[in-house]
Amino acid sequence: MITVYYDGKCNICSKEISYYKSISNKEHFNWYDIANNPKYLKTINVTQSEALLQLHATDQNSQLHIGVDAFILIWKNLRFWKILSIIISLPIIKQISILAYKKFAKYRFSKLTHCQLSLKN
């Protein structure tokens, strides 16, 4: 079972996760909105602000995947998205993707009020 911890208060994140939910095998994924219910994070020892900053997911072995690695894990397990997981996993492409994602994630985090409030908790 793959468990995905996502920001349900972020419009972009919610739309993307809703799409993934609609095409995923319900028996292979758990989807946890950690913006509205941070209690799920206790099992993976991640703070809410860390989880709001970057996408987090755990695989069948409870290994934690963060950021681009979390997306790769999701895509690997979605029909028609496996090819993207292979492409993004290529060394140079992955490094560029990680840099771009971190820059976007940091910008998004700085602009969303609920993300800034999570820093105070």
PDB file of N, CA and C in Angstrom:
ATOM      1  N   MET A   1       0.844  -1.179   0.000  1.00  0.00           N
ATOM      2  CA  MET A   1       0.000   0.000   0.000  1.00  0.00           C
ATOM      3  C   MET A   1       0.889   1.242   0.000  1.00  0.00           C
ATOM      4  N   ILE A   2       0.587   2.164  -0.880  1.00  0.00           N
ATOM      5  CA  ILE A   2       1.298   3.443  -0.946  1.00  0.00           C
ATOM      6  C   ILE A   2       0.438   4.478  -0.235  1.00  0.00           C
ATOM      7  N   THR A   3       1.057   5.236   0.646  1.00  0.00           N
ATOM      8  CA  THR A   3       0.341   6.279   1.364  1.00  0.00           C
ATOM      9  C   THR A   3       0.925   7.623   0.959  1.00  0.00           C
ATOM     10  N   VAL A   4       0.040   8.518   0.536  1.00  0.00           N
ATOM     11  CA  VAL A   4       0.444   9.840   0.062  1.00  0.00           C
ATOM     12  C   VAL A   4      -0.078  10.886   1.039  1.00  0.00           C
ATOM     13  N   TYR A   5       0.812  11.776   1.462  1.00  0.00           N
ATOM     14  CA  TYR A   5       0.485  12.855   2.393  1.00  0.00           C
ATOM     15  C   TYR A   5       0.559  14.159   1.608  1.00  0.00           C
ATOM     16  N   TYR A   6      -0.589  14.800   1.401  1.00  0.00           N
ATOM     17  CA  TYR A   6      -0.634  15.969   0.523  1.00  0.00           C
ATOM     18  C   TYR A   6      -1.320  17.156   1.192  1.00  0.00           C
ATOM     19  N   ASP A   7      -1.111  18.327   0.619  1.00  0.00           N
ATOM     20  CA  ASP A   7      -1.675  19.583   1.112  1.00  0.00           C
ATOM     21  C   ASP A   7      -3.053  19.797   0.490  1.00  0.00           C
ATOM     22  N   GLY A   8      -4.085  19.473   1.244  1.00  0.00           N
ATOM     23  CA  GLY A   8      -5.457  19.596   0.757  1.00  0.00           C
ATOM     24  C   GLY A   8      -5.971  21.023   0.689  1.00  0.00           C
ATOM     25  N   LYS A   9      -5.224  21.980   1.226  1.00  0.00           N
ATOM     26  CA  LYS A   9      -5.638  23.381   1.148  1.00  0.00           C
ATOM     27  C   LYS A   9      -5.002  24.101  -0.035  1.00  0.00           C
ATOM     28  N   CYS A  10      -4.119  23.438  -0.732  1.00  0.00           N
ATOM     29  CA  CYS A  10      -3.467  24.004  -1.915  1.00  0.00           C
ATOM     30  C   CYS A  10      -4.282  23.597  -3.142  1.00  0.00           C
ATOM     31  N   ASN A  11      -4.759  24.576  -3.895  1.00  0.00           N
ATOM     32  CA  ASN A  11      -5.598  24.278  -5.062  1.00  0.00           C
ATOM     33  C   ASN A  11      -4.881  23.416  -6.094  1.00  0.00           C
ATOM     34  N   ILE A  12      -3.640  23.747  -6.385  1.00  0.00           N
ATOM     35  CA  ILE A  12      -2.876  22.971  -7.372  1.00  0.00           C
ATOM     36  C   ILE A  12      -2.711  21.535  -6.884  1.00  0.00           C
ATOM     37  N   CYS A  13      -2.308  21.398  -5.628  1.00  0.00           N
ATOM     38  CA  CYS A  13      -2.078  20.063  -5.052  1.00  0.00           C
ATOM     39  C   CYS A  13      -3.369  19.244  -5.056  1.00  0.00           C
ATOM     40  N   SER A  14      -4.450  19.851  -4.616  1.00  0.00           N
ATOM     41  CA  SER A  14      -5.731  19.146  -4.532  1.00  0.00           C
ATOM     42  C   SER A  14      -6.222  18.679  -5.891  1.00  0.00           C
ATOM     43  N   LYS A  15      -6.079  19.525  -6.898  1.00  0.00           N
ATOM     44  CA  LYS A  15      -6.512  19.135  -8.243  1.00  0.00           C
ATOM     45  C   LYS A  15      -5.680  17.972  -8.767  1.00  0.00           C
ATOM     46  N   GLU A  16      -4.387  18.048  -8.559  1.00  0.00           N
ATOM     47  CA  GLU A  16      -3.510  16.976  -9.031  1.00  0.00           C
ATOM     48  C   GLU A  16      -3.810  15.666  -8.303  1.00  0.00           C
ATOM     49  N   ILE A  17      -3.955  15.727  -6.991  1.00  0.00           N
ATOM     50  CA  ILE A  17      -4.242  14.518  -6.217  1.00  0.00           C
ATOM     51  C   ILE A  17      -5.620  13.968  -6.577  1.00  0.00           C
ATOM     52  N   SER A  18      -6.594  14.828  -6.796  1.00  0.00           N
ATOM     53  CA  SER A  18      -7.928  14.365  -7.214  1.00  0.00           C
ATOM     54  C   SER A  18      -7.847  13.594  -8.520  1.00  0.00           C
ATOM     55  N   TYR A  19      -7.037  14.093  -9.439  1.00  0.00           N
ATOM     56  CA  TYR A  19      -6.849  13.383 -10.706  1.00  0.00           C
ATOM     57  C   TYR A  19      -6.207  12.020 -10.458  1.00  0.00           C
ATOM     58  N   TYR A  20      -5.141  11.989  -9.667  1.00  0.00           N
ATOM     59  CA  TYR A  20      -4.477  10.713  -9.375  1.00  0.00           C
ATOM     60  C   TYR A  20      -5.442   9.734  -8.707  1.00  0.00           C
ATOM     61  N   LYS A  21      -6.242  10.232  -7.770  1.00  0.00           N
ATOM     62  CA  LYS A  21      -7.231   9.374  -7.106  1.00  0.00           C
ATOM     63  C   LYS A  21      -8.191   8.765  -8.121  1.00  0.00           C
ATOM     64  N   SER A  22      -8.603   9.575  -9.082  1.00  0.00           N
ATOM     65  CA  SER A  22      -9.599   9.109 -10.060  1.00  0.00           C
ATOM     66  C   SER A  22      -9.063   8.019 -10.983  1.00  0.00           C
ATOM     67  N   ILE A  23      -7.745   7.961 -11.174  1.00  0.00           N
ATOM     68  CA  ILE A  23      -7.183   6.959 -12.083  1.00  0.00           C
ATOM     69  C   ILE A  23      -6.438   5.841 -11.354  1.00  0.00           C
ATOM     70  N   SER A  24      -6.326   5.954 -10.036  1.00  0.00           N
ATOM     71  CA  SER A  24      -5.542   4.965  -9.285  1.00  0.00           C
ATOM     72  C   SER A  24      -6.397   3.780  -8.861  1.00  0.00           C
ATOM     73  N   ASN A  25      -5.708   2.689  -8.587  1.00  0.00           N
ATOM     74  CA  ASN A  25      -6.339   1.511  -8.015  1.00  0.00           C
ATOM     75  C   ASN A  25      -6.561   1.808  -6.532  1.00  0.00           C
ATOM     76  N   LYS A  26      -7.797   1.814  -6.119  1.00  0.00           N
ATOM     77  CA  LYS A  26      -8.143   2.190  -4.733  1.00  0.00           C
ATOM     78  C   LYS A  26      -7.472   1.284  -3.700  1.00  0.00           C
ATOM     79  N   GLU A  27      -7.139   0.060  -4.110  1.00  0.00           N
ATOM     80  CA  GLU A  27      -6.527  -0.892  -3.184  1.00  0.00           C
ATOM     81  C   GLU A  27      -5.022  -0.676  -3.029  1.00  0.00           C
ATOM     82  N   HIS A  28      -4.436   0.178  -3.857  1.00  0.00           N
ATOM     83  CA  HIS A  28      -2.990   0.398  -3.800  1.00  0.00           C
ATOM     84  C   HIS A  28      -2.582   1.710  -3.133  1.00  0.00           C
ATOM     85  N   PHE A  29      -3.552   2.601  -2.903  1.00  0.00           N
ATOM     86  CA  PHE A  29      -3.213   3.933  -2.387  1.00  0.00           C
ATOM     87  C   PHE A  29      -4.081   4.339  -1.200  1.00  0.00           C
ATOM     88  N   ASN A  30      -3.456   5.017  -0.247  1.00  0.00           N
ATOM     89  CA  ASN A  30      -4.147   5.805   0.778  1.00  0.00           C
ATOM     90  C   ASN A  30      -3.765   7.251   0.511  1.00  0.00           C
ATOM     91  N   TRP A  31      -4.730   8.148   0.596  1.00  0.00           N
ATOM     92  CA  TRP A  31      -4.479   9.565   0.343  1.00  0.00           C
ATOM     93  C   TRP A  31      -4.861  10.344   1.592  1.00  0.00           C
ATOM     94  N   TYR A  32      -3.892  10.999   2.231  1.00  0.00           N
ATOM     95  CA  TYR A  32      -4.142  11.726   3.468  1.00  0.00           C
ATOM     96  C   TYR A  32      -3.891  13.220   3.282  1.00  0.00           C
ATOM     97  N   ASP A  33      -4.948  13.987   3.538  1.00  0.00           N
ATOM     98  CA  ASP A  33      -4.877  15.449   3.495  1.00  0.00           C
ATOM     99  C   ASP A  33      -4.307  15.923   4.831  1.00  0.00           C
ATOM    100  N   ILE A  34      -3.046  16.272   4.840  1.00  0.00           N
ATOM    101  CA  ILE A  34      -2.379  16.625   6.098  1.00  0.00           C
ATOM    102  C   ILE A  34      -2.519  18.107   6.451  1.00  0.00           C
ATOM    103  N   ALA A  35      -3.065  18.896   5.547  1.00  0.00           N
ATOM    104  CA  ALA A  35      -3.331  20.298   5.883  1.00  0.00           C
ATOM    105  C   ALA A  35      -4.526  20.371   6.825  1.00  0.00           C
ATOM    106  N   ASN A  36      -5.509  19.523   6.578  1.00  0.00           N
ATOM    107  CA  ASN A  36      -6.722  19.505   7.387  1.00  0.00           C
ATOM    108  C   ASN A  36      -6.675  18.479   8.511  1.00  0.00           C
ATOM    109  N   ASN A  37      -5.796  17.505   8.405  1.00  0.00           N
ATOM    110  CA  ASN A  37      -5.721  16.468   9.427  1.00  0.00           C
ATOM    111  C   ASN A  37      -4.271  15.985   9.598  1.00  0.00           C
ATOM    112  N   PRO A  38      -3.469  16.741  10.340  1.00  0.00           N
ATOM    113  CA  PRO A  38      -2.045  16.410  10.473  1.00  0.00           C
ATOM    114  C   PRO A  38      -1.749  15.173  11.322  1.00  0.00           C
ATOM    115  N   LYS A  39      -2.760  14.585  11.958  1.00  0.00           N
ATOM    116  CA  LYS A  39      -2.513  13.424  12.832  1.00  0.00           C
ATOM    117  C   LYS A  39      -1.841  12.268  12.093  1.00  0.00           C
ATOM    118  N   TYR A  40      -2.064  12.160  10.786  1.00  0.00           N
ATOM    119  CA  TYR A  40      -1.478  11.068  10.007  1.00  0.00           C
ATOM    120  C   TYR A  40       0.045  11.141   9.953  1.00  0.00           C
ATOM    121  N   LEU A  41       0.582  12.308  10.193  1.00  0.00           N
ATOM    122  CA  LEU A  41       2.033  12.499  10.100  1.00  0.00           C
ATOM    123  C   LEU A  41       2.795  11.873  11.262  1.00  0.00           C
ATOM    124  N   LYS A  42       2.105  11.600  12.357  1.00  0.00           N
ATOM    125  CA  LYS A  42       2.774  11.011  13.526  1.00  0.00           C
ATOM    126  C   LYS A  42       3.409   9.671  13.183  1.00  0.00           C
ATOM    127  N   THR A  43       2.784   8.930  12.281  1.00  0.00           N
ATOM    128  CA  THR A  43       3.296   7.593  11.936  1.00  0.00           C
ATOM    129  C   THR A  43       4.600   7.651  11.144  1.00  0.00           C
ATOM    130  N   ILE A  44       4.873   8.788  10.497  1.00  0.00           N
ATOM    131  CA  ILE A  44       6.100   8.894   9.699  1.00  0.00           C
ATOM    132  C   ILE A  44       7.097   9.891  10.291  1.00  0.00           C
ATOM    133  N   ASN A  45       6.755  10.448  11.464  1.00  0.00           N
ATOM    134  CA  ASN A  45       7.664  11.349  12.181  1.00  0.00           C
ATOM    135  C   ASN A  45       8.090  12.554  11.333  1.00  0.00           C
ATOM    136  N   VAL A  46       7.092  13.194  10.723  1.00  0.00           N
ATOM    137  CA  VAL A  46       7.309  14.383   9.895  1.00  0.00           C
ATOM    138  C   VAL A  46       6.419  15.490  10.449  1.00  0.00           C
ATOM    139  N   THR A  47       6.940  16.703  10.546  1.00  0.00           N
ATOM    140  CA  THR A  47       6.114  17.815  11.020  1.00  0.00           C
ATOM    141  C   THR A  47       5.156  18.256   9.916  1.00  0.00           C
ATOM    142  N   GLN A  48       4.108  18.954  10.325  1.00  0.00           N
ATOM    143  CA  GLN A  48       3.153  19.438   9.334  1.00  0.00           C
ATOM    144  C   GLN A  48       3.812  20.416   8.370  1.00  0.00           C
ATOM    145  N   SER A  49       4.655  21.302   8.871  1.00  0.00           N
ATOM    146  CA  SER A  49       5.294  22.265   7.968  1.00  0.00           C
ATOM    147  C   SER A  49       6.217  21.567   6.970  1.00  0.00           C
ATOM    148  N   GLU A  50       6.920  20.519   7.384  1.00  0.00           N
ATOM    149  CA  GLU A  50       7.756  19.745   6.448  1.00  0.00           C
ATOM    150  C   GLU A  50       6.896  19.100   5.364  1.00  0.00           C
ATOM    151  N   ALA A  51       5.764  18.543   5.783  1.00  0.00           N
ATOM    152  CA  ALA A  51       4.879  17.860   4.834  1.00  0.00           C
ATOM    153  C   ALA A  51       4.164  18.839   3.909  1.00  0.00           C
ATOM    154  N   LEU A  52       3.906  20.047   4.394  1.00  0.00           N
ATOM    155  CA  LEU A  52       3.280  21.057   3.535  1.00  0.00           C
ATOM    156  C   LEU A  52       4.276  21.616   2.524  1.00  0.00           C
ATOM    157  N   LEU A  53       5.537  21.602   2.868  1.00  0.00           N
ATOM    158  CA  LEU A  53       6.564  22.126   1.973  1.00  0.00           C
ATOM    159  C   LEU A  53       6.767  21.232   0.755  1.00  0.00           C
ATOM    160  N   GLN A  54       6.823  19.914   0.969  1.00  0.00           N
ATOM    161  CA  GLN A  54       7.035  18.979  -0.133  1.00  0.00           C
ATOM    162  C   GLN A  54       6.106  17.778   0.028  1.00  0.00           C
ATOM    163  N   LEU A  55       5.712  17.205  -1.096  1.00  0.00           N
ATOM    164  CA  LEU A  55       4.905  15.994  -1.089  1.00  0.00           C
ATOM    165  C   LEU A  55       5.681  14.866  -0.411  1.00  0.00           C
ATOM    166  N   HIS A  56       4.986  14.103   0.420  1.00  0.00           N
ATOM    167  CA  HIS A  56       5.571  12.942   1.086  1.00  0.00           C
ATOM    168  C   HIS A  56       4.732  11.713   0.757  1.00  0.00           C
ATOM    169  N   ALA A  57       5.384  10.564   0.670  1.00  0.00           N
ATOM    170  CA  ALA A  57       4.677   9.299   0.452  1.00  0.00           C
ATOM    171  C   ALA A  57       5.501   8.165   1.044  1.00  0.00           C
ATOM    172  N   THR A  58       4.822   7.124   1.477  1.00  0.00           N
ATOM    173  CA  THR A  58       5.509   5.916   1.926  1.00  0.00           C
ATOM    174  C   THR A  58       5.110   4.766   1.011  1.00  0.00           C
ATOM    175  N   ASP A  59       6.069   3.886   0.781  1.00  0.00           N
ATOM    176  CA  ASP A  59       5.810   2.737  -0.090  1.00  0.00           C
ATOM    177  C   ASP A  59       5.360   1.526   0.730  1.00  0.00           C
ATOM    178  N   GLN A  60       5.261   0.378   0.067  1.00  0.00           N
ATOM    179  CA  GLN A  60       4.795  -0.853   0.695  1.00  0.00           C
ATOM    180  C   GLN A  60       5.686  -1.292   1.855  1.00  0.00           C
ATOM    181  N   ASN A  61       6.940  -0.865   1.848  1.00  0.00           N
ATOM    182  CA  ASN A  61       7.894  -1.220   2.908  1.00  0.00           C
ATOM    183  C   ASN A  61       8.040  -0.121   3.955  1.00  0.00           C
ATOM    184  N   SER A  62       7.139   0.842   3.925  1.00  0.00           N
ATOM    185  CA  SER A  62       7.143   1.996   4.841  1.00  0.00           C
ATOM    186  C   SER A  62       8.337   2.914   4.645  1.00  0.00           C
ATOM    187  N   GLN A  63       8.998   2.819   3.501  1.00  0.00           N
ATOM    188  CA  GLN A  63      10.102   3.740   3.193  1.00  0.00           C
ATOM    189  C   GLN A  63       9.517   5.082   2.779  1.00  0.00           C
ATOM    190  N   LEU A  64      10.065   6.150   3.327  1.00  0.00           N
ATOM    191  CA  LEU A  64       9.586   7.498   3.054  1.00  0.00           C
ATOM    192  C   LEU A  64      10.207   8.047   1.777  1.00  0.00           C
ATOM    193  N   HIS A  65       9.372   8.628   0.925  1.00  0.00           N
ATOM    194  CA  HIS A  65       9.801   9.276  -0.320  1.00  0.00           C
ATOM    195  C   HIS A  65       9.335  10.725  -0.241  1.00  0.00           C
ATOM    196  N   ILE A  66      10.225  11.656  -0.563  1.00  0.00           N
ATOM    197  CA  ILE A  66       9.924  13.080  -0.416  1.00  0.00           C
ATOM    198  C   ILE A  66      10.140  13.798  -1.738  1.00  0.00           C
ATOM    199  N   GLY A  67       9.240  14.758  -2.036  1.00  0.00           N
ATOM    200  CA  GLY A  67       9.386  15.590  -3.224  1.00  0.00           C
ATOM    201  C   GLY A  67       9.281  14.798  -4.510  1.00  0.00           C
ATOM    202  N   VAL A  68      10.247  14.973  -5.392  1.00  0.00           N
ATOM    203  CA  VAL A  68      10.251  14.302  -6.696  1.00  0.00           C
ATOM    204  C   VAL A  68      10.196  12.786  -6.518  1.00  0.00           C
ATOM    205  N   ASP A  69      10.879  12.268  -5.511  1.00  0.00           N
ATOM    206  CA  ASP A  69      10.846  10.822  -5.269  1.00  0.00           C
ATOM    207  C   ASP A  69       9.433  10.339  -4.928  1.00  0.00           C
ATOM    208  N   ALA A  70       8.652  11.165  -4.246  1.00  0.00           N
ATOM    209  CA  ALA A  70       7.261  10.810  -3.950  1.00  0.00           C
ATOM    210  C   ALA A  70       6.439  10.774  -5.238  1.00  0.00           C
ATOM    211  N   PHE A  71       6.651  11.745  -6.118  1.00  0.00           N
ATOM    212  CA  PHE A  71       5.950  11.732  -7.404  1.00  0.00           C
ATOM    213  C   PHE A  71       6.330  10.505  -8.224  1.00  0.00           C
ATOM    214  N   ILE A  72       7.609  10.175  -8.248  1.00  0.00           N
ATOM    215  CA  ILE A  72       8.063   8.999  -8.994  1.00  0.00           C
ATOM    216  C   ILE A  72       7.373   7.744  -8.460  1.00  0.00           C
ATOM    217  N   LEU A  73       7.284   7.624  -7.146  1.00  0.00           N
ATOM    218  CA  LEU A  73       6.601   6.483  -6.533  1.00  0.00           C
ATOM    219  C   LEU A  73       5.141   6.414  -6.982  1.00  0.00           C
ATOM    220  N   ILE A  74       4.461   7.545  -6.966  1.00  0.00           N
ATOM    221  CA  ILE A  74       3.055   7.586  -7.396  1.00  0.00           C
ATOM    222  C   ILE A  74       2.948   7.205  -8.866  1.00  0.00           C
ATOM    223  N   TRP A  75       3.725   7.862  -9.707  1.00  0.00           N
ATOM    224  CA  TRP A  75       3.639   7.629 -11.152  1.00  0.00           C
ATOM    225  C   TRP A  75       3.964   6.191 -11.524  1.00  0.00           C
ATOM    226  N   LYS A  76       4.923   5.587 -10.820  1.00  0.00           N
ATOM    227  CA  LYS A  76       5.292   4.190 -11.077  1.00  0.00           C
ATOM    228  C   LYS A  76       4.102   3.254 -10.927  1.00  0.00           C
ATOM    229  N   ASN A  77       3.156   3.667 -10.107  1.00  0.00           N
ATOM    230  CA  ASN A  77       2.017   2.824  -9.775  1.00  0.00           C
ATOM    231  C   ASN A  77       0.710   3.287 -10.406  1.00  0.00           C
ATOM    232  N   LEU A  78       0.797   4.192 -11.368  1.00  0.00           N
ATOM    233  CA  LEU A  78      -0.382   4.652 -12.107  1.00  0.00           C
ATOM    234  C   LEU A  78      -0.255   4.240 -13.566  1.00  0.00           C
ATOM    235  N   ARG A  79      -1.291   3.652 -14.071  1.00  0.00           N
ATOM    236  CA  ARG A  79      -1.309   3.236 -15.467  1.00  0.00           C
ATOM    237  C   ARG A  79      -1.065   4.453 -16.361  1.00  0.00           C
ATOM    238  N   PHE A  80      -0.298   4.290 -17.378  1.00  0.00           N
ATOM    239  CA  PHE A  80       0.064   5.317 -18.355  1.00  0.00           C
ATOM    240  C   PHE A  80       1.031   6.372 -17.816  1.00  0.00           C
ATOM    241  N   TRP A  81       1.360   6.341 -16.554  1.00  0.00           N
ATOM    242  CA  TRP A  81       2.294   7.300 -15.975  1.00  0.00           C
ATOM    243  C   TRP A  81       3.650   6.662 -15.702  1.00  0.00           C
ATOM    244  N   LYS A  82       3.766   5.357 -15.855  1.00  0.00           N
ATOM    245  CA  LYS A  82       5.023   4.659 -15.569  1.00  0.00           C
ATOM    246  C   LYS A  82       6.173   5.203 -16.406  1.00  0.00           C
ATOM    247  N   ILE A  83       5.895   5.531 -17.658  1.00  0.00           N
ATOM    248  CA  ILE A  83       6.952   6.047 -18.541  1.00  0.00           C
ATOM    249  C   ILE A  83       7.524   7.357 -17.992  1.00  0.00           C
ATOM    250  N   LEU A  84       6.653   8.212 -17.450  1.00  0.00           N
ATOM    251  CA  LEU A  84       7.139   9.464 -16.863  1.00  0.00           C
ATOM    252  C   LEU A  84       8.036   9.175 -15.657  1.00  0.00           C
ATOM    253  N   SER A  85       7.669   8.188 -14.860  1.00  0.00           N
ATOM    254  CA  SER A  85       8.505   7.846 -13.699  1.00  0.00           C
ATOM    255  C   SER A  85       9.890   7.383 -14.146  1.00  0.00           C
ATOM    256  N   ILE A  86       9.952   6.682 -15.268  1.00  0.00           N
ATOM    257  CA  ILE A  86      11.240   6.222 -15.802  1.00  0.00           C
ATOM    258  C   ILE A  86      12.061   7.405 -16.307  1.00  0.00           C
ATOM    259  N   ILE A  87      11.412   8.293 -17.053  1.00  0.00           N
ATOM    260  CA  ILE A  87      12.107   9.464 -17.614  1.00  0.00           C
ATOM    261  C   ILE A  87      12.628  10.373 -16.501  1.00  0.00           C
ATOM    262  N   ILE A  88      11.770  10.681 -15.532  1.00  0.00           N
ATOM    263  CA  ILE A  88      12.166  11.579 -14.440  1.00  0.00           C
ATOM    264  C   ILE A  88      13.257  10.948 -13.572  1.00  0.00           C
ATOM    265  N   SER A  89      13.336   9.628 -13.554  1.00  0.00           N
ATOM    266  CA  SER A  89      14.355   8.937 -12.755  1.00  0.00           C
ATOM    267  C   SER A  89      15.744   8.954 -13.386  1.00  0.00           C
ATOM    268  N   LEU A  90      15.838   9.344 -14.655  1.00  0.00           N
ATOM    269  CA  LEU A  90      17.150   9.414 -15.304  1.00  0.00           C
ATOM    270  C   LEU A  90      18.005  10.470 -14.602  1.00  0.00           C
ATOM    271  N   PRO A  91      19.283  10.161 -14.370  1.00  0.00           N
ATOM    272  CA  PRO A  91      20.130  11.003 -13.510  1.00  0.00           C
ATOM    273  C   PRO A  91      20.069  12.513 -13.741  1.00  0.00           C
ATOM    274  N   ILE A  92      20.361  13.000 -14.904  1.00  0.00           N
ATOM    275  CA  ILE A  92      20.385  14.457 -15.111  1.00  0.00           C
ATOM    276  C   ILE A  92      18.981  15.042 -15.020  1.00  0.00           C
ATOM    277  N   ILE A  93      18.018  14.353 -15.595  1.00  0.00           N
ATOM    278  CA  ILE A  93      16.632  14.831 -15.555  1.00  0.00           C
ATOM    279  C   ILE A  93      16.131  14.871 -14.114  1.00  0.00           C
ATOM    280  N   LYS A  94      16.473  13.856 -13.338  1.00  0.00           N
ATOM    281  CA  LYS A  94      16.032  13.831 -11.940  1.00  0.00           C
ATOM    282  C   LYS A  94      16.638  14.994 -11.156  1.00  0.00           C
ATOM    283  N   GLN A  95      17.915  15.258 -11.351  1.00  0.00           N
ATOM    284  CA  GLN A  95      18.558  16.356 -10.625  1.00  0.00           C
ATOM    285  C   GLN A  95      17.927  17.703 -10.974  1.00  0.00           C
ATOM    286  N   ILE A  96      17.642  17.914 -12.247  1.00  0.00           N
ATOM    287  CA  ILE A  96      16.988  19.159 -12.674  1.00  0.00           C
ATOM    288  C   ILE A  96      15.581  19.233 -12.094  1.00  0.00           C
ATOM    289  N   SER A  97      14.865  18.112 -12.122  1.00  0.00           N
ATOM    290  CA  SER A  97      13.501  18.059 -11.581  1.00  0.00           C
ATOM    291  C   SER A  97      13.483  18.366 -10.090  1.00  0.00           C
ATOM    292  N   ILE A  98      14.446  17.833  -9.367  1.00  0.00           N
ATOM    293  CA  ILE A  98      14.529  18.094  -7.927  1.00  0.00           C
ATOM    294  C   ILE A  98      14.762  19.582  -7.666  1.00  0.00           C
ATOM    295  N   LEU A  99      15.687  20.186  -8.389  1.00  0.00           N
ATOM    296  CA  LEU A  99      15.952  21.623  -8.218  1.00  0.00           C
ATOM    297  C   LEU A  99      14.716  22.459  -8.542  1.00  0.00           C
ATOM    298  N   ALA A 100      14.056  22.149  -9.649  1.00  0.00           N
ATOM    299  CA  ALA A 100      12.861  22.898 -10.058  1.00  0.00           C
ATOM    300  C   ALA A 100      11.732  22.709  -9.051  1.00  0.00           C
ATOM    301  N   TYR A 101      11.526  21.479  -8.600  1.00  0.00           N
ATOM    302  CA  TYR A 101      10.450  21.207  -7.646  1.00  0.00           C
ATOM    303  C   TYR A 101      10.703  21.920  -6.322  1.00  0.00           C
ATOM    304  N   LYS A 102      11.930  21.858  -5.827  1.00  0.00           N
ATOM    305  CA  LYS A 102      12.242  22.521  -4.553  1.00  0.00           C
ATOM    306  C   LYS A 102      12.029  24.028  -4.644  1.00  0.00           C
ATOM    307  N   LYS A 103      12.404  24.606  -5.771  1.00  0.00           N
ATOM    308  CA  LYS A 103      12.209  26.048  -5.964  1.00  0.00           C
ATOM    309  C   LYS A 103      10.714  26.380  -5.977  1.00  0.00           C
ATOM    310  N   PHE A 104       9.935  25.605  -6.745  1.00  0.00           N
ATOM    311  CA  PHE A 104       8.491  25.813  -6.794  1.00  0.00           C
ATOM    312  C   PHE A 104       7.862  25.588  -5.421  1.00  0.00           C
ATOM    313  N   ALA A 105       8.252  24.508  -4.742  1.00  0.00           N
ATOM    314  CA  ALA A 105       7.668  24.170  -3.446  1.00  0.00           C
ATOM    315  C   ALA A 105       7.936  25.267  -2.420  1.00  0.00           C
ATOM    316  N   LYS A 106       9.144  25.784  -2.421  1.00  0.00           N
ATOM    317  CA  LYS A 106       9.499  26.856  -1.484  1.00  0.00           C
ATOM    318  C   LYS A 106       8.681  28.120  -1.779  1.00  0.00           C
ATOM    319  N   TYR A 107       8.524  28.452  -3.059  1.00  0.00           N
ATOM    320  CA  TYR A 107       7.731  29.620  -3.449  1.00  0.00           C
ATOM    321  C   TYR A 107       6.273  29.437  -3.028  1.00  0.00           C
ATOM    322  N   ARG A 108       5.702  28.271  -3.344  1.00  0.00           N
ATOM    323  CA  ARG A 108       4.304  27.974  -3.001  1.00  0.00           C
ATOM    324  C   ARG A 108       4.111  28.058  -1.498  1.00  0.00           C
ATOM    325  N   PHE A 109       5.018  27.474  -0.740  1.00  0.00           N
ATOM    326  CA  PHE A 109       4.953  27.470   0.717  1.00  0.00           C
ATOM    327  C   PHE A 109       4.962  28.897   1.262  1.00  0.00           C
ATOM    328  N   SER A 110       5.777  29.751   0.671  1.00  0.00           N
ATOM    329  CA  SER A 110       5.893  31.138   1.157  1.00  0.00           C
ATOM    330  C   SER A 110       4.644  31.965   0.875  1.00  0.00           C
ATOM    331  N   LYS A 111       3.849  31.557  -0.102  1.00  0.00           N
ATOM    332  CA  LYS A 111       2.673  32.332  -0.506  1.00  0.00           C
ATOM    333  C   LYS A 111       1.376  31.886   0.158  1.00  0.00           C
ATOM    334  N   LEU A 112       1.336  30.677   0.716  1.00  0.00           N
ATOM    335  CA  LEU A 112       0.095  30.158   1.293  1.00  0.00           C
ATOM    336  C   LEU A 112       0.063  30.394   2.803  1.00  0.00           C
ATOM    337  N   THR A 113      -0.976  31.070   3.256  1.00  0.00           N
ATOM    338  CA  THR A 113      -1.103  31.439   4.664  1.00  0.00           C
ATOM    339  C   THR A 113      -1.052  30.230   5.580  1.00  0.00           C
ATOM    340  N   HIS A 114      -1.768  29.164   5.218  1.00  0.00           N
ATOM    341  CA  HIS A 114      -1.796  27.996   6.110  1.00  0.00           C
ATOM    342  C   HIS A 114      -0.416  27.350   6.237  1.00  0.00           C
ATOM    343  N   CYS A 115       0.405  27.477   5.229  1.00  0.00           N
ATOM    344  CA  CYS A 115       1.777  26.954   5.319  1.00  0.00           C
ATOM    345  C   CYS A 115       2.593  27.790   6.298  1.00  0.00           C
ATOM    346  N   GLN A 116       2.455  29.096   6.209  1.00  0.00           N
ATOM    347  CA  GLN A 116       3.179  29.980   7.120  1.00  0.00           C
ATOM    348  C   GLN A 116       2.724  29.780   8.562  1.00  0.00           C
ATOM    349  N   LEU A 117       1.422  29.565   8.748  1.00  0.00           N
ATOM    350  CA  LEU A 117       0.906  29.328  10.098  1.00  0.00           C
ATOM    351  C   LEU A 117       1.444  28.024  10.684  1.00  0.00           C
ATOM    352  N   SER A 118       1.701  27.039   9.835  1.00  0.00           N
ATOM    353  CA  SER A 118       2.213  25.749  10.325  1.00  0.00           C
ATOM    354  C   SER A 118       3.598  25.890  10.954  1.00  0.00           C
ATOM    355  N   LEU A 119       4.334  26.916  10.570  1.00  0.00           N
ATOM    356  CA  LEU A 119       5.659  27.144  11.150  1.00  0.00           C
ATOM    357  C   LEU A 119       5.576  27.540  12.620  1.00  0.00           C
ATOM    358  N   LYS A 120       4.421  28.067  13.020  1.00  0.00           N
ATOM    359  CA  LYS A 120       4.246  28.535  14.394  1.00  0.00           C
ATOM    360  C   LYS A 120       3.779  27.426  15.326  1.00  0.00           C
ATOM    361  N   ASN A 121       3.407  26.294  14.768  1.00  0.00           N
ATOM    362  CA  ASN A 121       2.914  25.173  15.603  1.00  0.00           C
ATOM    363  C   ASN A 121       4.029  24.303  16.098  1.00  0.00           C
TER     364      ASN A 121
END
